[in-house]
Amino acid sequence: MSEDKFDRGSALSIFGSDRREDLMALIFSLAIALFIYMAY
């Protein structure tokens, strides 16, 4: 097989691209960390 695309189960993804999904997950985790930092 000459397919080099790694399948991460993108059929279950709510975004079209993995890069946008990773970026949204990063922003979401940073928002949670900032909220916890401000709350305590």
Protein backbone atom coordinates (compact mmCIF):
# COMPACT_ATOMS: atom_id res chain seq x y z
CA MET A 1 0.00 0.00 0.00
CA SER A 2 1.31 3.42 -0.93
CA GLU A 3 -1.12 5.30 1.32
CA ASP A 4 0.75 7.40 3.87
CA LYS A 5 -2.22 9.20 5.40
CA PHE A 6 -2.65 8.15 8.99
CA ASP A 7 -6.29 7.54 9.82
CA ARG A 8 -7.19 8.79 13.28
CA GLY A 9 -10.85 7.90 12.98
CA SER A 10 -11.84 11.11 11.22
CA ALA A 11 -15.32 9.73 10.53
CA LEU A 12 -16.24 10.57 14.12
CA SER A 13 -14.79 14.07 13.87
CA ILE A 14 -17.11 17.06 13.91
CA PHE A 15 -14.59 19.10 11.94
CA GLY A 16 -13.52 18.54 8.36
CA SER A 17 -9.78 18.69 8.99
CA ASP A 18 -7.63 17.30 11.78
CA ARG A 19 -5.63 20.54 11.96
CA ARG A 20 -8.72 22.59 12.82
CA GLU A 21 -9.79 19.96 15.35
CA ASP A 22 -6.36 20.06 17.02
CA LEU A 23 -6.44 23.85 17.10
CA MET A 24 -9.91 23.92 18.65
CA ALA A 25 -8.87 21.33 21.26
CA LEU A 26 -5.81 23.42 22.12
CA ILE A 27 -7.84 26.62 22.51
CA PHE A 28 -10.49 24.79 24.54
CA SER A 29 -7.91 23.32 26.91
CA LEU A 30 -6.20 26.68 27.31
CA ALA A 31 -9.55 28.29 28.12
CA ILE A 32 -10.23 25.66 30.79
CA ALA A 33 -6.74 26.10 32.26
CA LEU A 34 -7.17 29.89 32.33
CA PHE A 35 -10.58 29.56 34.00
CA ILE A 36 -9.18 27.25 36.68
CA TYR A 37 -6.22 29.59 37.19
CA MET A 38 -8.51 32.60 37.63
CA ALA A 39 -10.99 30.73 39.84
CA TYR A 40 -8.40 29.71 42.39
